[in-house]
Amino acid sequence: MLESSQQTLKVYFLSETPEKSVQFNGIGEALTAIAKAKQSPDYPAGITKIELSEGEFREKLNITLSNIAFYGQGASATNIVFDDFAGRVNAQGLPMGTSASATLTLNAQDVYFYDLTIENDFDFLYYDGLDETASDRVNAMQAVALYLAPGSDRIYFNRVSFLGYQDTLFADGDRAYIRDSLIAGNVDFIFGRGNLVILNSDIRSRARAKITMPSGYITAPSTKAASEFGITVINSRLTRDAAVPDHSVALGRPWHPTMTFPDGRYADPSVNSKAVFIDTWMDKHILSEAWYWMGGTTKAGTKEPIQPDDQRFFEMASSGPGAQMSEKRRVLGDVARKEYSLANILGEWSETVAEWDEAVSN
């Protein structure tokens, strides 16, 4: 049986009762014990439940265990948080990079999160406000809260807050589904190549320390051209901090990651970025033209703009003061709406999620 510790975190099998729970000091400690216990042939099949108490869990986590469900006490009560950033020097004396900055990394399948916050609280605003000559200025201020690594699949979040500034949510795995949640950031704060659905959620643009134009970009998808779906936002709300100016935030821009190929290092030509906003309310901070360009590395090593018109950027039935149309804002027709059902985007897993939600609510 797993050894117990303090009453900050409880683990029990869903087939058992909370009275049989095992208590631990922190999430990392619990995951290590579960991994060891799972080596036993007697370990129960199905989902293992981890119940987190109120409070702050200041831990940097790389979750490799599948079939796990995390339950907090509410997004305002339970917080998983760390403060790494891409420019921080690692043990090898090199910048750790964007993905390694994540507070929570997922390298697993069938992982569920309810009623908690995942945050990277690196002090972006302080460094963003420094003069270029400041002695404590840092480079690479990307600070990821959640990283869905390649190979992760069937990852679900309900009533979860994702808090950061630049690069808050890095969706680079397969299917992930977020509903009834909050995602906050400013620069490219929902990005990656994964198949990510965001439903019934608030997507909040946060202010910069200095006035810039644009002041932010909500999405930066790097969707492969062969992938049917990228970042899909449905029935959600694009809100802002009070200090975010009108007409200053783009719905997205195309990220074509620089990769190494036999003939050089340049922007990945297999990418055709995709982001779609459906039935979404938009405040006045959204750019009139909605989408923006992004630089891509050429074979010659220079930077050339990748234009949004060449990517798969669309919206449908937008509303609110930021939804004014322009000729640059491409709108999906009614026929295309059928393609964006949860069953079509997420496959059979969407039924599993619905059943799981019903079981949790009961």
Protein backbone atom coordinates (compact mmCIF):
# COMPACT_ATOMS: atom_id res chain seq x y z
CA MET A 1 0.00 0.00 0.00
CA LEU A 2 1.20 3.56 -0.62
CA GLU A 3 2.70 5.25 2.42
CA SER A 4 0.91 8.32 3.73
CA SER A 5 2.08 11.77 4.79
CA GLN A 6 0.38 15.11 5.46
CA GLN A 7 -3.18 16.05 4.61
CA THR A 8 -2.47 18.27 1.60
CA LEU A 9 -3.21 15.77 -1.14
CA LYS A 10 -5.20 12.54 -1.28
CA VAL A 11 -5.07 9.67 -3.77
CA TYR A 12 -7.67 6.96 -4.17
CA PHE A 13 -9.10 4.69 -6.82
CA LEU A 14 -12.49 5.67 -8.16
CA SER A 15 -13.78 2.21 -7.30
CA GLU A 16 -12.94 2.90 -3.66
CA THR A 17 -14.22 5.46 -1.15
CA PRO A 18 -12.44 8.60 0.07
CA GLU A 19 -12.04 6.93 3.46
CA LYS A 20 -9.49 4.62 1.81
CA SER A 21 -7.47 7.53 0.44
CA VAL A 22 -3.71 7.87 0.89
CA GLN A 23 -2.25 11.25 1.79
CA PHE A 24 0.89 12.97 0.52
CA ASN A 25 2.86 16.19 0.86
CA GLY A 26 2.82 17.18 -2.79
CA ILE A 27 1.87 16.21 -6.32
CA GLY A 28 5.33 15.05 -7.39
CA GLU A 29 5.61 12.81 -4.34
CA ALA A 30 2.20 11.29 -5.05
CA LEU A 31 2.99 10.66 -8.72
CA THR A 32 6.24 8.92 -7.81
CA ALA A 33 4.40 6.64 -5.40
CA ILE A 34 1.66 5.89 -7.94
CA ALA A 35 4.23 5.03 -10.62
CA LYS A 36 5.86 2.57 -8.24
CA ALA A 37 2.52 1.08 -7.19
CA LYS A 38 1.44 0.66 -10.82
CA GLN A 39 4.24 -1.84 -11.32
CA SER A 40 2.24 -4.29 -9.24
CA PRO A 41 -0.12 -6.64 -11.12
CA ASP A 42 -2.66 -5.98 -8.35
CA TYR A 43 -2.95 -2.27 -9.15
CA PRO A 44 -6.61 -1.57 -10.04
CA ALA A 45 -7.49 -0.79 -13.62
CA GLY A 46 -9.13 2.49 -14.55
CA ILE A 47 -8.59 6.05 -13.39
CA THR A 48 -6.61 6.97 -10.28
CA LYS A 49 -7.97 10.07 -8.57
CA ILE A 50 -5.76 12.75 -7.02
CA GLU A 51 -7.61 15.21 -4.80
CA LEU A 52 -5.75 18.43 -4.04
CA SER A 53 -6.50 20.55 -1.01
CA GLU A 54 -6.83 24.32 -1.02
CA GLY A 55 -3.53 26.18 -1.26
CA GLU A 56 -0.51 26.62 -3.47
CA PHE A 57 1.42 23.68 -4.89
CA ARG A 58 4.68 25.30 -5.99
CA GLU A 59 5.97 22.42 -8.06
CA LYS A 60 7.39 21.90 -11.53
CA LEU A 61 5.77 18.74 -12.84
CA ASN A 62 6.29 16.37 -15.77
CA ILE A 63 3.36 13.97 -15.77
CA THR A 64 4.06 10.73 -17.62
CA LEU A 65 1.35 8.62 -15.95
CA SER A 66 -1.81 7.99 -17.93
CA ASN A 67 -5.31 7.43 -16.53
CA ILE A 68 -5.10 10.08 -13.82
CA ALA A 69 -7.72 12.60 -12.68
CA PHE A 70 -6.83 15.71 -10.67
CA TYR A 71 -9.46 17.47 -8.54
CA GLY A 72 -8.88 20.81 -6.85
CA GLN A 73 -11.14 22.81 -4.56
CA GLY A 74 -11.82 25.51 -7.15
CA ALA A 75 -9.70 27.61 -9.48
CA SER A 76 -9.44 30.35 -6.85
CA ALA A 77 -8.51 27.89 -4.12
CA THR A 78 -6.04 25.33 -5.58
CA ASN A 79 -3.04 26.57 -7.57
CA ILE A 80 -0.23 24.60 -9.24
CA VAL A 81 2.43 27.23 -9.92
CA PHE A 82 6.10 27.74 -10.81
CA ASP A 83 8.17 30.59 -12.27
CA ASP A 84 10.60 29.33 -14.94
CA PHE A 85 11.12 31.18 -18.22
CA ALA A 86 12.73 30.28 -21.55
CA GLY A 87 15.85 32.40 -21.04
CA ARG A 88 16.76 30.93 -17.66
CA VAL A 89 20.09 29.09 -17.84
CA ASN A 90 19.88 25.35 -17.19
CA ALA A 91 22.43 22.96 -15.66
CA GLN A 92 24.24 22.75 -19.01
CA GLY A 93 24.71 26.51 -19.10
CA LEU A 94 22.18 26.99 -21.89
CA PRO A 95 18.80 28.74 -21.98
CA MET A 96 16.16 26.18 -21.03
CA GLY A 97 13.88 27.10 -23.95
CA THR A 98 10.14 27.55 -24.21
CA SER A 99 8.82 24.04 -23.56
CA ALA A 100 11.15 23.44 -20.60
CA SER A 101 9.84 26.58 -18.89
CA ALA A 102 6.45 24.94 -18.29
CA THR A 103 5.00 24.65 -14.82
CA LEU A 104 3.10 21.51 -15.86
CA THR A 105 4.18 19.23 -18.71
CA LEU A 106 2.01 16.35 -19.90
CA ASN A 107 3.55 13.31 -21.60
CA ALA A 108 0.57 11.03 -21.09
CA GLN A 109 -2.89 10.02 -22.25
CA ASP A 110 -6.31 10.17 -20.61
CA VAL A 111 -5.57 12.77 -17.96
CA TYR A 112 -8.38 14.89 -16.49
CA PHE A 113 -8.29 18.14 -14.49
CA TYR A 114 -11.10 19.80 -12.52
CA ASP A 115 -11.40 22.94 -10.39
CA LEU A 116 -7.87 24.26 -10.11
CA THR A 117 -5.37 26.76 -11.54
CA ILE A 118 -2.20 26.07 -13.52
CA GLU A 119 0.06 29.13 -13.51
CA ASN A 120 3.49 30.38 -14.47
CA ASP A 121 4.11 33.43 -12.27
CA PHE A 122 7.41 34.55 -13.82
CA ASP A 123 7.42 38.34 -13.41
CA PHE A 124 6.87 39.11 -17.08
CA LEU A 125 5.59 42.62 -16.47
CA TYR A 126 8.71 43.68 -14.56
CA TYR A 127 11.08 42.54 -17.30
CA ASP A 128 8.75 43.69 -20.08
CA GLY A 129 8.94 47.20 -18.63
CA LEU A 130 12.74 47.43 -18.45
CA ASP A 131 14.72 49.70 -20.71
CA GLU A 132 16.90 47.92 -23.28
CA THR A 133 20.03 49.08 -21.44
CA ALA A 134 18.91 47.74 -18.03
CA SER A 135 21.54 45.53 -16.42
CA ASP A 136 18.98 42.96 -15.27
CA ARG A 137 17.20 42.69 -18.60
CA VAL A 138 16.59 39.08 -19.73
CA ASN A 139 16.02 37.52 -23.12
CA ALA A 140 13.40 34.92 -24.03
CA MET A 141 10.56 35.77 -21.65
CA GLN A 142 8.31 32.93 -22.80
CA ALA A 143 6.94 31.36 -19.62
CA VAL A 144 4.61 28.41 -20.19
CA ALA A 145 1.98 27.38 -17.64
CA LEU A 146 0.89 24.19 -19.45
CA TYR A 147 2.83 22.21 -22.05
CA LEU A 148 1.02 19.41 -23.85
CA ALA A 149 3.98 17.52 -25.28
CA PRO A 150 3.97 15.59 -28.56
CA GLY A 151 2.32 12.22 -27.97
CA SER A 152 -0.01 13.48 -25.26
CA ASP A 153 -3.63 12.73 -26.13
CA ARG A 154 -7.13 12.88 -24.64
CA ILE A 155 -6.30 15.59 -22.09
CA TYR A 156 -9.33 17.30 -20.53
CA PHE A 157 -9.79 20.42 -18.40
CA ASN A 158 -13.03 21.59 -16.76
CA ARG A 159 -13.26 24.74 -14.60
CA VAL A 160 -9.51 25.30 -14.81
CA SER A 161 -7.65 28.64 -14.97
CA PHE A 162 -4.46 28.91 -17.04
CA LEU A 163 -2.50 32.00 -16.02
CA GLY A 164 0.59 33.50 -17.62
CA TYR A 165 1.68 36.20 -20.02
CA GLN A 166 3.75 35.14 -23.03
CA ASP A 167 3.09 31.56 -24.21
CA THR A 168 0.71 30.54 -21.42
CA LEU A 169 -0.66 27.39 -23.06
CA PHE A 170 1.55 25.33 -25.40
CA ALA A 171 -0.65 22.73 -27.13
CA ASP A 172 1.76 20.55 -29.09
CA GLY A 173 0.20 17.13 -28.54
CA ASP A 174 -2.82 15.45 -30.06
CA ARG A 175 -6.37 15.97 -28.74
CA ALA A 176 -7.02 18.32 -25.82
CA TYR A 177 -10.32 19.78 -24.65
CA ILE A 178 -10.88 22.77 -22.36
CA ARG A 179 -14.32 23.88 -21.21
CA ASP A 180 -15.82 26.36 -18.74
CA SER A 181 -12.35 27.70 -18.00
CA LEU A 182 -10.15 30.82 -18.11
CA ILE A 183 -7.04 31.29 -20.24
CA ALA A 184 -5.09 34.51 -19.62
CA GLY A 185 -2.00 35.94 -21.29
CA ASN A 186 -0.81 38.49 -23.84
CA VAL A 187 1.71 37.30 -26.47
CA ASP A 188 0.90 34.10 -28.43
CA PHE A 189 -0.67 32.74 -25.28
CA ILE A 190 -2.48 29.82 -26.93
CA PHE A 191 -0.12 28.20 -29.40
CA GLY A 192 1.24 24.99 -30.90
CA ARG A 193 0.38 22.32 -33.44
CA GLY A 194 -2.11 20.32 -31.41
CA ASN A 195 -5.82 19.68 -31.89
CA LEU A 196 -7.18 21.91 -29.13
CA VAL A 197 -10.87 22.67 -28.48
CA ILE A 198 -11.84 25.53 -26.16
CA LEU A 199 -15.55 25.65 -25.28
CA ASN A 200 -17.59 28.03 -23.10
CA SER A 201 -14.49 29.74 -21.75
CA ASP A 202 -13.06 33.20 -21.07
CA ILE A 203 -9.91 34.05 -23.03
CA ARG A 204 -8.48 37.13 -21.36
CA SER A 205 -5.87 39.40 -22.90
CA ARG A 206 -3.55 40.85 -20.26
CA ALA A 207 -1.81 44.20 -20.44
CA ARG A 208 1.82 44.77 -21.38
CA ALA A 209 4.17 46.87 -19.25
CA LYS A 210 4.70 49.24 -22.19
CA ILE A 211 2.37 50.39 -24.93
CA THR A 212 2.98 48.32 -28.06
CA MET A 213 0.99 47.81 -31.23
CA PRO A 214 -0.21 45.16 -31.48
CA SER A 215 -0.21 44.66 -27.74
CA GLY A 216 -0.82 40.95 -28.06
CA TYR A 217 -1.80 37.88 -30.05
CA ILE A 218 -4.29 35.35 -28.72
CA THR A 219 -3.29 32.34 -30.82
CA ALA A 220 -0.15 31.29 -32.67
CA PRO A 221 -0.94 27.89 -34.20
CA SER A 222 1.72 25.80 -35.91
CA THR A 223 -0.76 23.27 -37.29
CA LYS A 224 0.59 20.81 -39.83
CA ALA A 225 -0.96 21.21 -43.26
CA ALA A 226 -2.04 17.56 -43.13
CA SER A 227 -4.01 18.12 -39.90
CA GLU A 228 -7.70 18.89 -40.28
CA PHE A 229 -8.03 20.76 -36.98
CA GLY A 230 -5.88 23.18 -35.03
CA ILE A 231 -7.06 25.62 -32.34
CA THR A 232 -10.87 25.74 -32.28
CA VAL A 233 -12.66 28.21 -29.99
CA ILE A 234 -16.43 27.73 -29.61
CA ASN A 235 -19.05 29.76 -27.74
CA SER A 236 -16.46 31.63 -25.71
CA ARG A 237 -15.65 35.21 -24.69
CA LEU A 238 -12.60 37.27 -25.62
CA THR A 239 -12.15 39.69 -22.72
CA ARG A 240 -9.35 41.98 -21.56
CA ASP A 241 -7.69 43.73 -18.66
CA ALA A 242 -8.82 47.34 -18.39
CA ALA A 243 -5.39 48.60 -19.52
CA VAL A 244 -5.45 46.71 -22.85
CA PRO A 245 -6.17 49.30 -25.59
CA ASP A 246 -8.96 49.11 -28.13
CA HIS A 247 -8.07 47.48 -31.48
CA SER A 248 -4.71 46.21 -30.20
CA VAL A 249 -4.94 42.39 -30.01
CA ALA A 250 -4.93 39.95 -32.92
CA LEU A 251 -7.00 36.79 -32.94
CA GLY A 252 -3.84 35.05 -34.06
CA ARG A 253 -0.73 34.92 -36.18
CA PRO A 254 0.93 32.01 -38.00
CA TRP A 255 3.83 30.36 -36.20
CA HIS A 256 6.06 28.32 -38.52
CA PRO A 257 8.74 26.94 -36.17
CA THR A 258 12.34 27.08 -37.33
CA MET A 259 13.52 23.49 -37.86
CA THR A 260 16.74 21.83 -38.96
CA PHE A 261 16.59 20.06 -42.35
CA PRO A 262 19.29 18.38 -44.51
CA ASP A 263 19.60 21.57 -46.57
CA GLY A 264 19.56 24.05 -43.72
CA ARG A 265 17.58 25.52 -40.87
CA TYR A 266 14.40 27.38 -41.74
CA ALA A 267 10.64 27.72 -41.12
CA ASP A 268 8.84 24.39 -41.30
CA PRO A 269 7.25 24.23 -44.77
CA SER A 270 4.83 21.48 -43.65
CA VAL A 271 2.93 23.97 -41.47
CA ASN A 272 -0.33 25.63 -42.47
CA SER A 273 -1.57 27.31 -39.31
CA LYS A 274 -5.22 26.85 -38.36
CA ALA A 275 -7.36 28.72 -35.84
CA VAL A 276 -11.16 29.04 -35.92
CA PHE A 277 -13.46 31.11 -33.69
CA ILE A 278 -17.15 30.06 -33.68
CA ASP A 279 -20.05 31.79 -31.86
CA THR A 280 -17.58 33.83 -29.83
CA TRP A 281 -18.12 37.24 -28.22
CA MET A 282 -15.24 39.67 -28.76
CA ASP A 283 -14.52 42.86 -26.84
CA LYS A 284 -13.24 46.00 -28.55
CA HIS A 285 -9.56 45.13 -28.03
CA ILE A 286 -9.61 42.85 -31.09
CA LEU A 287 -7.94 44.28 -34.19
CA SER A 288 -10.34 45.36 -36.90
CA GLU A 289 -8.55 43.08 -39.38
CA ALA A 290 -8.38 40.34 -36.69
CA TRP A 291 -5.28 38.46 -37.89
CA TYR A 292 -1.59 39.42 -38.10
CA TRP A 293 1.57 38.29 -39.84
CA MET A 294 4.55 36.57 -38.20
CA GLY A 295 8.16 36.29 -39.29
CA GLY A 296 9.49 33.00 -40.65
CA THR A 297 13.12 32.01 -41.15
CA THR A 298 14.19 31.57 -44.78
CA LYS A 299 16.83 29.16 -46.08
CA ALA A 300 19.14 32.18 -46.36
CA GLY A 301 18.72 32.80 -42.65
CA THR A 302 16.72 36.00 -43.03
CA LYS A 303 13.21 36.65 -41.74
CA GLU A 304 10.26 37.03 -44.08
CA PRO A 305 6.66 37.73 -43.04
CA ILE A 306 4.21 34.83 -43.22
CA GLN A 307 0.87 36.40 -44.02
CA PRO A 308 -2.36 35.31 -42.31
CA ASP A 309 -4.23 35.25 -45.63
CA ASP A 310 -2.15 32.23 -46.63
CA GLN A 311 -3.20 30.28 -43.50
CA ARG A 312 -6.43 28.67 -42.30
CA PHE A 313 -7.76 31.48 -40.13
CA PHE A 314 -11.56 31.74 -39.95
CA GLU A 315 -14.45 32.82 -37.76
CA MET A 316 -18.18 32.23 -37.72
CA ALA A 317 -21.01 34.12 -35.99
CA SER A 318 -18.71 36.42 -34.02
CA SER A 319 -20.45 39.02 -31.85
CA GLY A 320 -19.60 41.97 -29.62
CA PRO A 321 -17.77 45.27 -30.26
CA GLY A 322 -14.66 43.48 -31.54
CA ALA A 323 -16.55 41.50 -34.16
CA GLN A 324 -16.76 44.17 -36.83
CA MET A 325 -16.02 42.66 -40.19
CA SER A 326 -13.41 43.64 -42.76
CA GLU A 327 -12.49 42.07 -46.05
CA LYS A 328 -9.53 40.42 -44.33
CA ARG A 329 -11.74 38.49 -41.90
CA ARG A 330 -12.77 35.26 -43.57
CA VAL A 331 -16.08 33.81 -42.43
CA LEU A 332 -17.07 30.15 -42.55
CA GLY A 333 -20.38 29.29 -44.18
CA ASP A 334 -23.23 27.42 -42.52
CA VAL A 335 -22.28 24.18 -44.25
CA ALA A 336 -18.81 24.28 -42.68
CA ARG A 337 -20.28 24.58 -39.18
CA LYS A 338 -21.15 20.87 -39.24
CA GLU A 339 -17.47 20.06 -39.52
CA TYR A 340 -16.85 21.62 -36.11
CA SER A 341 -18.96 19.40 -33.89
CA LEU A 342 -17.13 17.94 -30.90
CA ALA A 343 -17.70 14.46 -32.28
CA ASN A 344 -15.97 15.39 -35.52
CA ILE A 345 -13.07 17.29 -33.95
CA LEU A 346 -12.36 14.95 -31.04
CA GLY A 347 -13.69 11.65 -32.40
CA GLU A 348 -15.13 8.98 -30.15
CA TRP A 349 -13.31 10.47 -27.16
CA SER A 350 -15.93 13.25 -26.98
CA GLU A 351 -18.47 10.64 -25.80
CA THR A 352 -16.06 9.42 -23.13
CA VAL A 353 -15.64 12.97 -21.82
CA ALA A 354 -19.41 13.47 -21.66
CA GLU A 355 -19.83 10.25 -19.69
CA TRP A 356 -16.97 11.20 -17.39
CA ASP A 357 -18.48 14.64 -16.70
CA GLU A 358 -21.83 13.06 -15.87
CA ALA A 359 -20.17 10.63 -13.47
CA VAL A 360 -18.28 13.46 -11.77
CA SER A 361 -21.38 15.65 -11.39
CA ASN A 362 -23.21 12.77 -9.74
